[in-house]
N, C-alpha and C. Protein backbone atom coordinates (compact mmCIF):
# COMPACT_ATOMS: atom_id res chain seq x y z
N UNK A 1 -70.21 19.95 51.38
CA UNK A 1 -71.62 19.88 51.66
C UNK A 1 -72.22 21.26 51.84
N UNK A 2 -71.51 22.15 52.44
CA UNK A 2 -71.98 23.50 52.66
C UNK A 2 -71.96 24.32 51.37
N UNK A 3 -71.02 24.01 50.49
CA UNK A 3 -70.89 24.75 49.25
C UNK A 3 -72.13 24.67 48.37
N UNK A 4 -72.74 23.50 48.18
CA UNK A 4 -73.96 23.47 47.36
C UNK A 4 -75.09 24.28 47.97
N UNK A 5 -75.18 24.30 49.31
CA UNK A 5 -76.22 25.11 49.95
C UNK A 5 -75.96 26.59 49.72
N UNK A 6 -74.71 26.99 49.79
CA UNK A 6 -74.37 28.40 49.53
C UNK A 6 -74.69 28.76 48.09
N UNK A 7 -74.39 27.82 47.17
CA UNK A 7 -74.71 28.08 45.76
C UNK A 7 -76.22 28.24 45.59
N UNK A 8 -76.97 27.34 46.19
CA UNK A 8 -78.43 27.40 46.08
C UNK A 8 -78.93 28.69 46.71
N UNK A 9 -78.40 29.03 47.88
CA UNK A 9 -78.80 30.26 48.55
C UNK A 9 -78.44 31.49 47.73
N UNK A 10 -77.25 31.48 47.14
CA UNK A 10 -76.81 32.60 46.31
C UNK A 10 -77.67 32.73 45.06
N UNK A 11 -77.99 31.60 44.47
CA UNK A 11 -78.84 31.61 43.27
C UNK A 11 -80.22 32.13 43.64
N UNK A 12 -80.73 31.69 44.79
CA UNK A 12 -82.05 32.15 45.22
C UNK A 12 -82.05 33.65 45.46
N UNK A 13 -80.98 34.15 46.08
CA UNK A 13 -80.88 35.60 46.29
C UNK A 13 -80.83 36.35 44.97
N UNK A 14 -80.03 35.80 44.01
CA UNK A 14 -79.92 36.43 42.70
C UNK A 14 -81.27 36.43 41.99
N UNK A 15 -81.99 35.29 42.07
CA UNK A 15 -83.29 35.19 41.41
C UNK A 15 -84.30 36.14 42.06
N UNK A 16 -84.24 36.24 43.36
CA UNK A 16 -85.15 37.15 44.06
C UNK A 16 -84.85 38.59 43.67
N UNK A 17 -83.55 38.93 43.59
CA UNK A 17 -83.14 40.29 43.23
C UNK A 17 -83.65 40.65 41.83
N UNK A 18 -83.60 39.71 40.92
CA UNK A 18 -84.01 39.98 39.54
C UNK A 18 -85.48 39.71 39.28
N UNK A 19 -86.24 39.46 40.33
CA UNK A 19 -87.68 39.39 40.18
C UNK A 19 -88.25 38.05 39.79
N UNK A 20 -87.48 36.98 39.93
CA UNK A 20 -87.99 35.67 39.56
C UNK A 20 -89.08 35.19 40.52
N UNK A 21 -89.06 35.69 41.74
CA UNK A 21 -90.05 35.25 42.72
C UNK A 21 -91.18 36.25 42.89
N UNK A 22 -91.25 37.21 42.00
CA UNK A 22 -92.35 38.17 42.10
C UNK A 22 -93.67 37.46 41.89
N UNK A 23 -94.68 38.08 42.40
CA UNK A 23 -96.00 37.49 42.28
C UNK A 23 -96.46 37.57 40.83
N UNK A 24 -97.45 36.80 40.55
CA UNK A 24 -97.99 36.78 39.20
C UNK A 24 -98.60 38.14 38.85
N UNK A 25 -98.78 38.42 37.56
CA UNK A 25 -99.39 39.71 37.18
C UNK A 25 -100.75 39.92 37.83
N UNK A 26 -101.51 38.84 38.01
CA UNK A 26 -102.81 38.98 38.65
C UNK A 26 -102.64 39.46 40.09
N UNK A 27 -101.68 38.90 40.78
CA UNK A 27 -101.43 39.32 42.15
C UNK A 27 -100.96 40.77 42.19
N UNK A 28 -100.14 41.17 41.22
CA UNK A 28 -99.71 42.57 41.16
C UNK A 28 -100.90 43.48 40.93
N UNK A 29 -101.81 43.02 40.06
CA UNK A 29 -103.01 43.82 39.80
C UNK A 29 -103.86 43.93 41.07
N UNK A 30 -104.02 42.81 41.76
CA UNK A 30 -104.77 42.83 43.01
C UNK A 30 -104.12 43.75 44.03
N UNK A 31 -102.78 43.71 44.07
CA UNK A 31 -102.05 44.58 45.00
C UNK A 31 -102.28 46.04 44.63
N UNK A 32 -102.23 46.36 43.34
CA UNK A 32 -102.46 47.73 42.89
C UNK A 32 -103.89 48.17 43.23
N UNK A 33 -104.85 47.27 43.02
CA UNK A 33 -106.23 47.60 43.37
C UNK A 33 -106.38 47.82 44.87
N UNK A 34 -105.71 46.98 45.66
CA UNK A 34 -105.77 47.14 47.12
C UNK A 34 -105.14 48.46 47.55
N UNK A 35 -104.01 48.82 46.92
CA UNK A 35 -103.37 50.09 47.25
C UNK A 35 -104.27 51.26 46.87
N UNK A 36 -104.91 51.17 45.70
CA UNK A 36 -105.83 52.23 45.28
C UNK A 36 -107.01 52.33 46.25
N UNK A 37 -107.50 51.17 46.69
CA UNK A 37 -108.61 51.18 47.65
C UNK A 37 -108.17 51.80 48.97
N UNK A 38 -106.95 51.50 49.40
CA UNK A 38 -106.42 52.10 50.64
C UNK A 38 -106.30 53.61 50.49
N UNK A 39 -105.83 54.06 49.33
CA UNK A 39 -105.72 55.51 49.09
C UNK A 39 -107.10 56.17 49.11
N UNK A 40 -108.08 55.52 48.47
CA UNK A 40 -109.44 56.06 48.49
C UNK A 40 -109.99 56.11 49.91
N UNK A 41 -109.73 55.04 50.66
CA UNK A 41 -110.19 54.99 52.05
C UNK A 41 -109.55 56.10 52.87
N UNK A 42 -108.25 56.31 52.70
CA UNK A 42 -107.56 57.38 53.42
C UNK A 42 -108.12 58.74 53.02
N UNK A 43 -108.39 58.91 51.73
CA UNK A 43 -108.95 60.17 51.25
C UNK A 43 -110.36 60.38 51.82
N UNK A 44 -111.15 59.31 51.83
CA UNK A 44 -112.51 59.41 52.39
C UNK A 44 -112.47 59.73 53.88
N UNK A 45 -111.52 59.13 54.59
CA UNK A 45 -111.38 59.44 56.02
C UNK A 45 -111.00 60.90 56.23
N UNK A 46 -110.09 61.39 55.39
CA UNK A 46 -109.68 62.79 55.49
C UNK A 46 -110.87 63.71 55.24
N UNK A 47 -111.65 63.40 54.20
CA UNK A 47 -112.83 64.21 53.90
C UNK A 47 -113.85 64.14 55.03
N UNK A 48 -114.04 62.95 55.59
CA UNK A 48 -114.97 62.79 56.71
C UNK A 48 -114.51 63.61 57.91
N UNK A 49 -113.22 63.58 58.20
CA UNK A 49 -112.70 64.37 59.32
C UNK A 49 -112.90 65.86 59.08
N UNK A 50 -112.69 66.31 57.84
CA UNK A 50 -112.91 67.72 57.52
C UNK A 50 -114.38 68.08 57.70
N UNK A 51 -115.27 67.22 57.23
CA UNK A 51 -116.71 67.50 57.36
C UNK A 51 -117.13 67.52 58.83
N UNK A 52 -116.59 66.58 59.61
CA UNK A 52 -116.92 66.57 61.04
C UNK A 52 -116.42 67.84 61.72
N UNK A 53 -115.23 68.28 61.34
CA UNK A 53 -114.67 69.50 61.93
C UNK A 53 -115.56 70.69 61.58
N UNK A 54 -115.95 70.77 60.29
CA UNK A 54 -116.84 71.87 59.88
C UNK A 54 -118.17 71.80 60.61
N UNK A 55 -118.71 70.58 60.77
CA UNK A 55 -119.99 70.42 61.47
C UNK A 55 -119.84 70.84 62.93
N UNK A 56 -118.73 70.46 63.56
CA UNK A 56 -118.50 70.85 64.95
C UNK A 56 -118.36 72.37 65.06
N UNK A 57 -117.65 72.98 64.10
CA UNK A 57 -117.51 74.43 64.11
C UNK A 57 -118.87 75.10 63.92
N UNK A 58 -119.67 74.55 63.01
CA UNK A 58 -121.00 75.10 62.76
C UNK A 58 -121.88 74.95 64.00
N UNK A 59 -121.80 73.80 64.66
CA UNK A 59 -122.58 73.59 65.89
C UNK A 59 -122.16 74.57 66.97
N UNK A 60 -120.86 74.78 67.10
CA UNK A 60 -120.36 75.71 68.11
C UNK A 60 -120.85 77.12 67.82
N UNK A 61 -120.79 77.53 66.56
CA UNK A 61 -121.26 78.86 66.17
C UNK A 61 -122.75 78.97 66.42
N UNK A 62 -123.51 77.93 66.08
CA UNK A 62 -124.96 77.93 66.28
C UNK A 62 -125.30 78.05 67.76
N UNK A 63 -124.61 77.28 68.62
CA UNK A 63 -124.85 77.38 70.06
C UNK A 63 -124.54 78.79 70.57
N UNK A 64 -123.44 79.37 70.08
CA UNK A 64 -123.09 80.72 70.51
C UNK A 64 -124.16 81.72 70.09
N UNK A 65 -124.65 81.58 68.85
CA UNK A 65 -125.69 82.49 68.37
C UNK A 65 -126.98 82.31 69.17
N UNK A 66 -127.32 81.06 69.51
CA UNK A 66 -128.51 80.82 70.32
C UNK A 66 -128.36 81.45 71.71
N UNK A 67 -127.17 81.32 72.29
CA UNK A 67 -126.93 81.95 73.59
C UNK A 67 -127.04 83.47 73.49
N UNK A 68 -126.47 84.04 72.42
CA UNK A 68 -126.57 85.48 72.22
C UNK A 68 -128.03 85.91 72.05
N UNK A 69 -128.80 85.12 71.30
CA UNK A 69 -130.21 85.43 71.08
C UNK A 69 -130.98 85.39 72.40
N UNK A 70 -130.71 84.39 73.23
CA UNK A 70 -131.40 84.31 74.52
C UNK A 70 -131.01 85.48 75.41
N UNK A 71 -129.74 85.89 75.37
CA UNK A 71 -129.32 87.06 76.14
C UNK A 71 -130.07 88.31 75.69
N UNK A 72 -130.17 88.47 74.37
CA UNK A 72 -130.88 89.64 73.83
C UNK A 72 -132.36 89.59 74.20
N UNK A 73 -132.96 88.40 74.14
CA UNK A 73 -134.38 88.27 74.53
C UNK A 73 -134.58 88.64 75.99
N UNK A 74 -133.66 88.21 76.84
CA UNK A 74 -133.80 88.56 78.26
C UNK A 74 -133.65 90.06 78.46
N UNK A 75 -132.75 90.69 77.69
CA UNK A 75 -132.60 92.16 77.77
C UNK A 75 -133.89 92.84 77.32
N UNK A 76 -134.49 92.33 76.25
CA UNK A 76 -135.74 92.91 75.75
C UNK A 76 -136.85 92.73 76.77
N UNK A 77 -136.94 91.54 77.37
CA UNK A 77 -137.96 91.31 78.41
C UNK A 77 -137.77 92.25 79.59
N UNK A 78 -136.53 92.45 80.00
CA UNK A 78 -136.24 93.37 81.10
C UNK A 78 -136.65 94.79 80.73
N UNK A 79 -136.29 95.21 79.52
CA UNK A 79 -136.65 96.56 79.07
C UNK A 79 -138.17 96.71 78.99
N UNK A 80 -138.87 95.67 78.52
CA UNK A 80 -140.34 95.74 78.44
C UNK A 80 -140.96 95.86 79.82
N UNK A 81 -140.43 95.11 80.79
CA UNK A 81 -141.00 95.21 82.14
C UNK A 81 -140.73 96.59 82.74
N UNK A 82 -139.56 97.15 82.47
CA UNK A 82 -139.27 98.52 82.95
C UNK A 82 -140.22 99.52 82.30
N UNK A 83 -140.46 99.37 81.00
CA UNK A 83 -141.38 100.27 80.31
C UNK A 83 -142.80 100.14 80.85
N UNK A 84 -143.25 98.90 81.13
CA UNK A 84 -144.58 98.70 81.70
C UNK A 84 -144.70 99.39 83.05
N UNK A 85 -143.67 99.26 83.88
CA UNK A 85 -143.69 99.92 85.18
C UNK A 85 -143.76 101.43 85.02
N UNK A 86 -142.97 101.97 84.09
CA UNK A 86 -143.00 103.42 83.86
C UNK A 86 -144.37 103.85 83.32
N UNK A 87 -144.93 103.03 82.44
CA UNK A 87 -146.24 103.34 81.87
C UNK A 87 -147.30 103.33 82.97
N UNK A 88 -147.26 102.32 83.83
CA UNK A 88 -148.21 102.25 84.95
C UNK A 88 -148.03 103.44 85.88
N UNK A 89 -146.78 103.79 86.14
CA UNK A 89 -146.49 104.92 87.02
C UNK A 89 -147.02 106.21 86.40
N UNK A 90 -146.80 106.40 85.10
CA UNK A 90 -147.28 107.62 84.43
C UNK A 90 -148.81 107.65 84.39
N UNK A 91 -149.42 106.48 84.16
CA UNK A 91 -150.88 106.42 84.14
C UNK A 91 -151.45 106.81 85.50
N UNK A 92 -150.84 106.30 86.56
CA UNK A 92 -151.33 106.66 87.89
C UNK A 92 -151.09 108.14 88.18
N UNK A 93 -150.00 108.70 87.73
CA UNK A 93 -149.75 110.14 87.91
C UNK A 93 -150.79 110.98 87.16
N UNK A 94 -151.05 110.55 85.92
CA UNK A 94 -152.05 111.29 85.12
C UNK A 94 -153.41 111.18 85.80
N UNK A 95 -153.75 109.99 86.29
CA UNK A 95 -155.03 109.81 86.98
C UNK A 95 -155.09 110.70 88.22
N UNK A 96 -154.01 110.78 88.96
CA UNK A 96 -153.97 111.65 90.14
C UNK A 96 -154.11 113.12 89.75
N UNK A 97 -153.44 113.53 88.67
CA UNK A 97 -153.54 114.92 88.22
C UNK A 97 -154.97 115.24 87.77
N UNK A 98 -155.57 114.29 87.04
CA UNK A 98 -156.95 114.51 86.59
C UNK A 98 -157.89 114.60 87.79
N UNK A 99 -157.67 113.77 88.78
CA UNK A 99 -158.51 113.78 89.97
C UNK A 99 -158.38 115.12 90.71
N UNK A 100 -157.14 115.62 90.80
CA UNK A 100 -156.91 116.91 91.46
C UNK A 100 -157.54 118.04 90.66
N UNK A 101 -157.48 117.92 89.33
CA UNK A 101 -158.04 118.98 88.49
C UNK A 101 -159.56 119.03 88.62
N UNK A 102 -160.22 117.93 88.84
CA UNK A 102 -161.66 117.90 88.96
C UNK A 102 -162.13 118.40 90.32
N UNK A 103 -161.32 118.47 91.27
CA UNK A 103 -161.72 118.92 92.60
C UNK A 103 -161.88 120.37 92.66
């Protein structure tokens, strides 16, 4: 009783090994299309990750440049206020000298 089952099992293994149970050509085509779609999806994900990384790098560089620009603007504002003070001081000195000269 066990021998016929072993024969059937052995035959099934042999048939499976030689491709008798492979899917139909249509199923193979669908499988190939699905694999190609998976490859495209993986490639698209890789490209998206690269673009996001570049965008993040660009954003980081842009923020750094904006910070540098604000630092430079504050330096310019400080220098302008110092120059205004010096200009006011010189104007008052000149006014004092002119006043002394007229006396």
